[in-house]
């Protein structure tokens, strides 16, 4: 059984989201799949994780299906709505 996790970061395009991505890399967290979530305005753009381009997806109520670890750097109201 693999210990790799499917991790999602809501608010990935903000300063806190960027720091979360950096921490996952620096600490060599066992990420098998990384889902980056943000507003519709940012969907389709990319951010780097371990040298790979990850496409940002729009945050929706279904964004966390199959996710093992969800990290929220979005505003308080958004975090409460989706948590």
PDB file of N, CA and C in Angstrom:
ATOM      1  N   UNK A   1       0.840  -1.176   0.000  1.00  0.00           N
ATOM      2  CA  UNK A   1       0.000   0.000   0.000  1.00  0.00           C
ATOM      3  C   UNK A   1       0.885   1.239   0.000  1.00  0.00           C
ATOM      4  N   UNK A   2       0.567   2.197  -0.866  1.00  0.00           N
ATOM      5  CA  UNK A   2       1.351   3.412  -1.010  1.00  0.00           C
ATOM      6  C   UNK A   2       0.997   4.416   0.079  1.00  0.00           C
ATOM      7  N   UNK A   3       2.003   5.143   0.529  1.00  0.00           N
ATOM      8  CA  UNK A   3       1.733   6.190   1.510  1.00  0.00           C
ATOM      9  C   UNK A   3       1.639   7.554   0.841  1.00  0.00           C
ATOM     10  N   UNK A   4       1.636   7.576  -0.494  1.00  0.00           N
ATOM     11  CA  UNK A   4       1.494   8.839  -1.208  1.00  0.00           C
ATOM     12  C   UNK A   4       0.067   9.356  -1.056  1.00  0.00           C
ATOM     13  N   UNK A   5      -0.050  10.653  -0.883  1.00  0.00           N
ATOM     14  CA  UNK A   5      -1.342  11.289  -0.621  1.00  0.00           C
ATOM     15  C   UNK A   5      -1.788  12.152  -1.791  1.00  0.00           C
ATOM     16  N   UNK A   6      -3.105  12.222  -1.968  1.00  0.00           N
ATOM     17  CA  UNK A   6      -3.689  13.191  -2.895  1.00  0.00           C
ATOM     18  C   UNK A   6      -3.969  14.438  -2.058  1.00  0.00           C
ATOM     19  N   UNK A   7      -3.229  15.498  -2.350  1.00  0.00           N
ATOM     20  CA  UNK A   7      -3.317  16.747  -1.591  1.00  0.00           C
ATOM     21  C   UNK A   7      -3.973  17.811  -2.460  1.00  0.00           C
ATOM     22  N   UNK A   8      -4.893  18.576  -1.874  1.00  0.00           N
ATOM     23  CA  UNK A   8      -5.522  19.703  -2.563  1.00  0.00           C
ATOM     24  C   UNK A   8      -5.252  20.970  -1.772  1.00  0.00           C
ATOM     25  N   UNK A   9      -4.935  22.047  -2.474  1.00  0.00           N
ATOM     26  CA  UNK A   9      -4.735  23.350  -1.843  1.00  0.00           C
ATOM     27  C   UNK A   9      -5.757  24.310  -2.422  1.00  0.00           C
ATOM     28  N   UNK A  10      -6.674  24.780  -1.574  1.00  0.00           N
ATOM     29  CA  UNK A  10      -7.653  25.787  -1.971  1.00  0.00           C
ATOM     30  C   UNK A  10      -7.047  27.158  -1.707  1.00  0.00           C
ATOM     31  N   UNK A  11      -7.079  28.007  -2.715  1.00  0.00           N
ATOM     32  CA  UNK A  11      -6.443  29.315  -2.600  1.00  0.00           C
ATOM     33  C   UNK A  11      -4.974  29.243  -3.000  1.00  0.00           C
ATOM     34  N   UNK A  12      -4.668  28.364  -3.928  1.00  0.00           N
ATOM     35  CA  UNK A  12      -3.282  28.074  -4.296  1.00  0.00           C
ATOM     36  C   UNK A  12      -2.540  29.252  -4.916  1.00  0.00           C
ATOM     37  N   UNK A  13      -3.257  30.204  -5.492  1.00  0.00           N
ATOM     38  CA  UNK A  13      -2.585  31.294  -6.196  1.00  0.00           C
ATOM     39  C   UNK A  13      -2.199  32.460  -5.290  1.00  0.00           C
ATOM     40  N   UNK A  14      -2.652  32.449  -4.054  1.00  0.00           N
ATOM     41  CA  UNK A  14      -2.313  33.523  -3.126  1.00  0.00           C
ATOM     42  C   UNK A  14      -0.966  33.289  -2.458  1.00  0.00           C
ATOM     43  N   UNK A  15      -0.544  34.253  -1.651  1.00  0.00           N
ATOM     44  CA  UNK A  15       0.756  34.168  -0.967  1.00  0.00           C
ATOM     45  C   UNK A  15       0.826  32.962  -0.029  1.00  0.00           C
ATOM     46  N   UNK A  16      -0.244  32.702   0.698  1.00  0.00           N
ATOM     47  CA  UNK A  16      -0.247  31.565   1.627  1.00  0.00           C
ATOM     48  C   UNK A  16      -0.245  30.250   0.843  1.00  0.00           C
ATOM     49  N   UNK A  17      -0.993  30.184  -0.231  1.00  0.00           N
ATOM     50  CA  UNK A  17      -1.008  28.995  -1.073  1.00  0.00           C
ATOM     51  C   UNK A  17       0.368  28.696  -1.641  1.00  0.00           C
ATOM     52  N   UNK A  18       1.058  29.734  -2.100  1.00  0.00           N
ATOM     53  CA  UNK A  18       2.421  29.563  -2.625  1.00  0.00           C
ATOM     54  C   UNK A  18       3.353  29.040  -1.536  1.00  0.00           C
ATOM     55  N   UNK A  19       3.174  29.512  -0.323  1.00  0.00           N
ATOM     56  CA  UNK A  19       3.995  29.044   0.796  1.00  0.00           C
ATOM     57  C   UNK A  19       3.688  27.578   1.118  1.00  0.00           C
ATOM     58  N   UNK A  20       2.424  27.183   1.026  1.00  0.00           N
ATOM     59  CA  UNK A  20       2.059  25.781   1.255  1.00  0.00           C
ATOM     60  C   UNK A  20       2.726  24.877   0.228  1.00  0.00           C
ATOM     61  N   UNK A  21       2.712  25.290  -1.031  1.00  0.00           N
ATOM     62  CA  UNK A  21       3.370  24.521  -2.087  1.00  0.00           C
ATOM     63  C   UNK A  21       4.855  24.390  -1.789  1.00  0.00           C
ATOM     64  N   UNK A  22       5.478  25.498  -1.413  1.00  0.00           N
ATOM     65  CA  UNK A  22       6.906  25.498  -1.094  1.00  0.00           C
ATOM     66  C   UNK A  22       7.206  24.566   0.080  1.00  0.00           C
ATOM     67  N   UNK A  23       6.372  24.595   1.110  1.00  0.00           N
ATOM     68  CA  UNK A  23       6.581  23.729   2.282  1.00  0.00           C
ATOM     69  C   UNK A  23       6.439  22.256   1.924  1.00  0.00           C
ATOM     70  N   UNK A  24       5.463  21.916   1.088  1.00  0.00           N
ATOM     71  CA  UNK A  24       5.310  20.525   0.667  1.00  0.00           C
ATOM     72  C   UNK A  24       6.569  20.043  -0.048  1.00  0.00           C
ATOM     73  N   UNK A  25       7.139  20.911  -0.888  1.00  0.00           N
ATOM     74  CA  UNK A  25       8.369  20.564  -1.601  1.00  0.00           C
ATOM     75  C   UNK A  25       9.549  20.426  -0.644  1.00  0.00           C
ATOM     76  N   UNK A  26       9.754  21.440   0.190  1.00  0.00           N
ATOM     77  CA  UNK A  26      10.902  21.464   1.101  1.00  0.00           C
ATOM     78  C   UNK A  26      10.891  20.296   2.086  1.00  0.00           C
ATOM     79  N   UNK A  27       9.722  19.930   2.548  1.00  0.00           N
ATOM     80  CA  UNK A  27       9.611  18.862   3.548  1.00  0.00           C
ATOM     81  C   UNK A  27       9.470  17.486   2.910  1.00  0.00           C
ATOM     82  N   UNK A  28       9.487  17.485   1.572  1.00  0.00           N
ATOM     83  CA  UNK A  28       9.364  16.238   0.822  1.00  0.00           C
ATOM     84  C   UNK A  28       8.139  15.437   1.269  1.00  0.00           C
ATOM     85  N   UNK A  29       7.030  16.155   1.443  1.00  0.00           N
ATOM     86  CA  UNK A  29       5.775  15.517   1.842  1.00  0.00           C
ATOM     87  C   UNK A  29       5.385  14.494   0.773  1.00  0.00           C
ATOM     88  N   UNK A  30       4.848  13.330   1.168  1.00  0.00           N
ATOM     89  CA  UNK A  30       4.554  12.263   0.205  1.00  0.00           C
ATOM     90  C   UNK A  30       3.330  12.545  -0.673  1.00  0.00           C
ATOM     91  N   UNK A  31       3.488  13.478  -1.605  1.00  0.00           N
ATOM     92  CA  UNK A  31       2.408  13.856  -2.509  1.00  0.00           C
ATOM     93  C   UNK A  31       2.427  12.938  -3.729  1.00  0.00           C
ATOM     94  N   UNK A  32       1.336  12.216  -3.924  1.00  0.00           N
ATOM     95  CA  UNK A  32       1.191  11.408  -5.125  1.00  0.00           C
ATOM     96  C   UNK A  32       0.497  12.188  -6.217  1.00  0.00           C
ATOM     97  N   UNK A  33      -0.454  13.035  -5.801  1.00  0.00           N
ATOM     98  CA  UNK A  33      -1.189  13.903  -6.717  1.00  0.00           C
ATOM     99  C   UNK A  33      -1.451  15.209  -5.997  1.00  0.00           C
ATOM    100  N   UNK A  34      -1.206  16.323  -6.684  1.00  0.00           N
ATOM    101  CA  UNK A  34      -1.465  17.641  -6.112  1.00  0.00           C
ATOM    102  C   UNK A  34      -2.523  18.328  -6.954  1.00  0.00           C
ATOM    103  N   UNK A  35      -3.603  18.729  -6.309  1.00  0.00           N
ATOM    104  CA  UNK A  35      -4.661  19.487  -6.969  1.00  0.00           C
ATOM    105  C   UNK A  35      -4.608  20.912  -6.439  1.00  0.00           C
ATOM    106  N   UNK A  36      -4.432  21.855  -7.359  1.00  0.00           N
ATOM    107  CA  UNK A  36      -4.388  23.266  -6.996  1.00  0.00           C
ATOM    108  C   UNK A  36      -5.721  23.896  -7.364  1.00  0.00           C
ATOM    109  N   UNK A  37      -6.324  24.571  -6.411  1.00  0.00           N
ATOM    110  CA  UNK A  37      -7.663  25.133  -6.574  1.00  0.00           C
ATOM    111  C   UNK A  37      -7.645  26.632  -6.338  1.00  0.00           C
ATOM    112  N   UNK A  38      -8.436  27.349  -7.124  1.00  0.00           N
ATOM    113  CA  UNK A  38      -8.533  28.798  -6.976  1.00  0.00           C
ATOM    114  C   UNK A  38      -9.836  29.255  -7.628  1.00  0.00           C
ATOM    115  N   UNK A  39      -9.982  30.551  -7.765  1.00  0.00           N
ATOM    116  CA  UNK A  39     -11.190  31.114  -8.375  1.00  0.00           C
ATOM    117  C   UNK A  39     -11.223  30.808  -9.872  1.00  0.00           C
ATOM    118  N   UNK A  40     -12.391  31.027 -10.465  1.00  0.00           N
ATOM    119  CA  UNK A  40     -12.549  30.803 -11.911  1.00  0.00           C
ATOM    120  C   UNK A  40     -11.563  31.654 -12.697  1.00  0.00           C
ATOM    121  N   UNK A  41     -11.228  32.805 -12.178  1.00  0.00           N
ATOM    122  CA  UNK A  41     -10.286  33.715 -12.845  1.00  0.00           C
ATOM    123  C   UNK A  41      -8.906  33.082 -13.011  1.00  0.00           C
ATOM    124  N   UNK A  42      -8.499  32.249 -12.068  1.00  0.00           N
ATOM    125  CA  UNK A  42      -7.171  31.621 -12.114  1.00  0.00           C
ATOM    126  C   UNK A  42      -7.173  30.234 -12.756  1.00  0.00           C
ATOM    127  N   UNK A  43      -8.356  29.646 -12.929  1.00  0.00           N
ATOM    128  CA  UNK A  43      -8.446  28.299 -13.507  1.00  0.00           C
ATOM    129  C   UNK A  43      -7.793  28.275 -14.884  1.00  0.00           C
ATOM    130  N   UNK A  44      -7.025  27.213 -15.129  1.00  0.00           N
ATOM    131  CA  UNK A  44      -6.342  27.052 -16.405  1.00  0.00           C
ATOM    132  C   UNK A  44      -4.905  27.535 -16.394  1.00  0.00           C
ATOM    133  N   UNK A  45      -4.567  28.398 -15.456  1.00  0.00           N
ATOM    134  CA  UNK A  45      -3.180  28.831 -15.315  1.00  0.00           C
ATOM    135  C   UNK A  45      -2.388  27.700 -14.670  1.00  0.00           C
ATOM    136  N   UNK A  46      -1.084  27.829 -14.604  1.00  0.00           N
ATOM    137  CA  UNK A  46      -0.268  26.779 -14.003  1.00  0.00           C
ATOM    138  C   UNK A  46       0.651  27.331 -12.924  1.00  0.00           C
ATOM    139  N   UNK A  47       0.985  26.460 -11.998  1.00  0.00           N
ATOM    140  CA  UNK A  47       2.006  26.731 -10.979  1.00  0.00           C
ATOM    141  C   UNK A  47       2.941  25.529 -10.963  1.00  0.00           C
ATOM    142  N   UNK A  48       4.170  25.754 -10.522  1.00  0.00           N
ATOM    143  CA  UNK A  48       5.159  24.674 -10.485  1.00  0.00           C
ATOM    144  C   UNK A  48       5.143  23.967  -9.131  1.00  0.00           C
ATOM    145  N   UNK A  49       5.319  22.643  -9.202  1.00  0.00           N
ATOM    146  CA  UNK A  49       5.516  21.821  -8.018  1.00  0.00           C
ATOM    147  C   UNK A  49       6.539  20.768  -8.388  1.00  0.00           C
ATOM    148  N   UNK A  50       7.665  20.795  -7.714  1.00  0.00           N
ATOM    149  CA  UNK A  50       8.769  19.869  -7.991  1.00  0.00           C
ATOM    150  C   UNK A  50       9.144  19.868  -9.465  1.00  0.00           C
ATOM    151  N   UNK A  51       9.183  21.076 -10.038  1.00  0.00           N
ATOM    152  CA  UNK A  51       9.597  21.231 -11.427  1.00  0.00           C
ATOM    153  C   UNK A  51       8.532  20.927 -12.465  1.00  0.00           C
ATOM    154  N   UNK A  52       7.361  20.511 -12.035  1.00  0.00           N
ATOM    155  CA  UNK A  52       6.269  20.165 -12.950  1.00  0.00           C
ATOM    156  C   UNK A  52       5.224  21.279 -12.951  1.00  0.00           C
ATOM    157  N   UNK A  53       4.641  21.533 -14.109  1.00  0.00           N
ATOM    158  CA  UNK A  53       3.537  22.476 -14.202  1.00  0.00           C
ATOM    159  C   UNK A  53       2.251  21.773 -13.781  1.00  0.00           C
ATOM    160  N   UNK A  54       1.552  22.365 -12.812  1.00  0.00           N
ATOM    161  CA  UNK A  54       0.264  21.839 -12.346  1.00  0.00           C
ATOM    162  C   UNK A  54      -0.814  22.845 -12.765  1.00  0.00           C
ATOM    163  N   UNK A  55      -1.818  22.376 -13.471  1.00  0.00           N
ATOM    164  CA  UNK A  55      -2.904  23.242 -13.923  1.00  0.00           C
ATOM    165  C   UNK A  55      -3.839  23.525 -12.754  1.00  0.00           C
ATOM    166  N   UNK A  56      -4.163  24.784 -12.577  1.00  0.00           N
ATOM    167  CA  UNK A  56      -5.065  25.212 -11.504  1.00  0.00           C
ATOM    168  C   UNK A  56      -6.504  24.941 -11.941  1.00  0.00           C
ATOM    169  N   UNK A  57      -7.282  24.377 -11.018  1.00  0.00           N
ATOM    170  CA  UNK A  57      -8.691  24.087 -11.271  1.00  0.00           C
ATOM    171  C   UNK A  57      -9.555  25.045 -10.461  1.00  0.00           C
ATOM    172  N   UNK A  58     -10.767  25.272 -10.950  1.00  0.00           N
ATOM    173  CA  UNK A  58     -11.703  26.125 -10.215  1.00  0.00           C
ATOM    174  C   UNK A  58     -12.212  25.386  -8.980  1.00  0.00           C
ATOM    175  N   UNK A  59     -12.244  26.081  -7.857  1.00  0.00           N
ATOM    176  CA  UNK A  59     -12.758  25.528  -6.609  1.00  0.00           C
ATOM    177  C   UNK A  59     -14.276  25.395  -6.699  1.00  0.00           C
ATOM    178  N   UNK A  60     -14.747  24.151  -6.524  1.00  0.00           N
ATOM    179  CA  UNK A  60     -16.189  23.881  -6.533  1.00  0.00           C
ATOM    180  C   UNK A  60     -16.518  22.971  -5.356  1.00  0.00           C
ATOM    181  N   UNK A  61     -17.792  22.725  -5.143  1.00  0.00           N
ATOM    182  CA  UNK A  61     -18.195  21.856  -4.033  1.00  0.00           C
ATOM    183  C   UNK A  61     -17.717  20.427  -4.217  1.00  0.00           C
ATOM    184  N   UNK A  62     -17.386  20.026  -5.438  1.00  0.00           N
ATOM    185  CA  UNK A  62     -16.924  18.667  -5.715  1.00  0.00           C
ATOM    186  C   UNK A  62     -15.401  18.549  -5.783  1.00  0.00           C
ATOM    187  N   UNK A  63     -14.692  19.613  -5.513  1.00  0.00           N
ATOM    188  CA  UNK A  63     -13.238  19.641  -5.677  1.00  0.00           C
ATOM    189  C   UNK A  63     -12.479  18.685  -4.769  1.00  0.00           C
ATOM    190  N   UNK A  64     -13.072  18.248  -3.683  1.00  0.00           N
ATOM    191  CA  UNK A  64     -12.343  17.461  -2.694  1.00  0.00           C
ATOM    192  C   UNK A  64     -12.674  15.969  -2.717  1.00  0.00           C
ATOM    193  N   UNK A  65     -13.419  15.529  -3.717  1.00  0.00           N
ATOM    194  CA  UNK A  65     -13.712  14.094  -3.844  1.00  0.00           C
ATOM    195  C   UNK A  65     -12.414  13.356  -4.136  1.00  0.00           C
ATOM    196  N   UNK A  66     -12.116  12.340  -3.331  1.00  0.00           N
ATOM    197  CA  UNK A  66     -10.916  11.540  -3.523  1.00  0.00           C
ATOM    198  C   UNK A  66      -9.644  12.159  -2.962  1.00  0.00           C
ATOM    199  N   UNK A  67      -9.766  13.290  -2.297  1.00  0.00           N
ATOM    200  CA  UNK A  67      -8.604  13.979  -1.718  1.00  0.00           C
ATOM    201  C   UNK A  67      -8.341  13.431  -0.325  1.00  0.00           C
ATOM    202  N   UNK A  68      -7.069  13.163  -0.024  1.00  0.00           N
ATOM    203  CA  UNK A  68      -6.684  12.685   1.305  1.00  0.00           C
ATOM    204  C   UNK A  68      -6.427  13.832   2.278  1.00  0.00           C
ATOM    205  N   UNK A  69      -5.793  14.897   1.781  1.00  0.00           N
ATOM    206  CA  UNK A  69      -5.428  16.035   2.627  1.00  0.00           C
ATOM    207  C   UNK A  69      -5.851  17.316   1.917  1.00  0.00           C
ATOM    208  N   UNK A  70      -6.699  18.130   2.577  1.00  0.00           N
ATOM    209  CA  UNK A  70      -7.144  19.401   2.013  1.00  0.00           C
ATOM    210  C   UNK A  70      -6.557  20.536   2.830  1.00  0.00           C
ATOM    211  N   UNK A  71      -5.878  21.441   2.160  1.00  0.00           N
ATOM    212  CA  UNK A  71      -5.291  22.620   2.802  1.00  0.00           C
ATOM    213  C   UNK A  71      -6.009  23.851   2.274  1.00  0.00           C
ATOM    214  N   UNK A  72      -6.357  24.745   3.181  1.00  0.00           N
ATOM    215  CA  UNK A  72      -7.114  25.934   2.807  1.00  0.00           C
ATOM    216  C   UNK A  72      -6.313  27.190   3.099  1.00  0.00           C
ATOM    217  N   UNK A  73      -6.070  27.972   2.054  1.00  0.00           N
ATOM    218  CA  UNK A  73      -5.460  29.281   2.258  1.00  0.00           C
ATOM    219  C   UNK A  73      -6.388  30.360   1.719  1.00  0.00           C
ATOM    220  N   UNK A  74      -7.598  29.957   1.396  1.00  0.00           N
ATOM    221  CA  UNK A  74      -8.593  30.916   0.915  1.00  0.00           C
ATOM    222  C   UNK A  74      -9.142  31.689   2.122  1.00  0.00           C
ATOM    223  N   UNK A  75      -9.878  32.746   1.856  1.00  0.00           N
ATOM    224  CA  UNK A  75     -10.451  33.552   2.928  1.00  0.00           C
ATOM    225  C   UNK A  75     -11.346  32.739   3.845  1.00  0.00           C
ATOM    226  N   UNK A  76     -11.628  33.274   5.027  1.00  0.00           N
ATOM    227  CA  UNK A  76     -12.387  32.569   6.051  1.00  0.00           C
ATOM    228  C   UNK A  76     -13.745  32.097   5.590  1.00  0.00           C
ATOM    229  N   UNK A  77     -14.507  32.958   4.890  1.00  0.00           N
ATOM    230  CA  UNK A  77     -15.837  32.547   4.439  1.00  0.00           C
ATOM    231  C   UNK A  77     -15.752  31.408   3.438  1.00  0.00           C
ATOM    232  N   UNK A  78     -14.814  31.491   2.522  1.00  0.00           N
ATOM    233  CA  UNK A  78     -14.656  30.418   1.520  1.00  0.00           C
ATOM    234  C   UNK A  78     -14.213  29.146   2.186  1.00  0.00           C
ATOM    235  N   UNK A  79     -13.262  29.238   3.094  1.00  0.00           N
ATOM    236  CA  UNK A  79     -12.778  28.040   3.799  1.00  0.00           C
ATOM    237  C   UNK A  79     -13.898  27.367   4.566  1.00  0.00           C
ATOM    238  N   UNK A  80     -14.725  28.139   5.259  1.00  0.00           N
ATOM    239  CA  UNK A  80     -15.843  27.572   6.001  1.00  0.00           C
ATOM    240  C   UNK A  80     -16.850  26.911   5.058  1.00  0.00           C
ATOM    241  N   UNK A  81     -17.091  27.533   3.922  1.00  0.00           N
ATOM    242  CA  UNK A  81     -18.074  26.995   2.971  1.00  0.00           C
ATOM    243  C   UNK A  81     -17.644  25.630   2.419  1.00  0.00           C
ATOM    244  N   UNK A  82     -16.353  25.485   2.122  1.00  0.00           N
ATOM    245  CA  UNK A  82     -15.875  24.271   1.460  1.00  0.00           C
ATOM    246  C   UNK A  82     -15.269  23.235   2.395  1.00  0.00           C
ATOM    247  N   UNK A  83     -14.994  23.602   3.634  1.00  0.00           N
ATOM    248  CA  UNK A  83     -14.312  22.685   4.558  1.00  0.00           C
ATOM    249  C   UNK A  83     -15.185  21.538   4.988  1.00  0.00           C
TER     250      UNK A  83
END
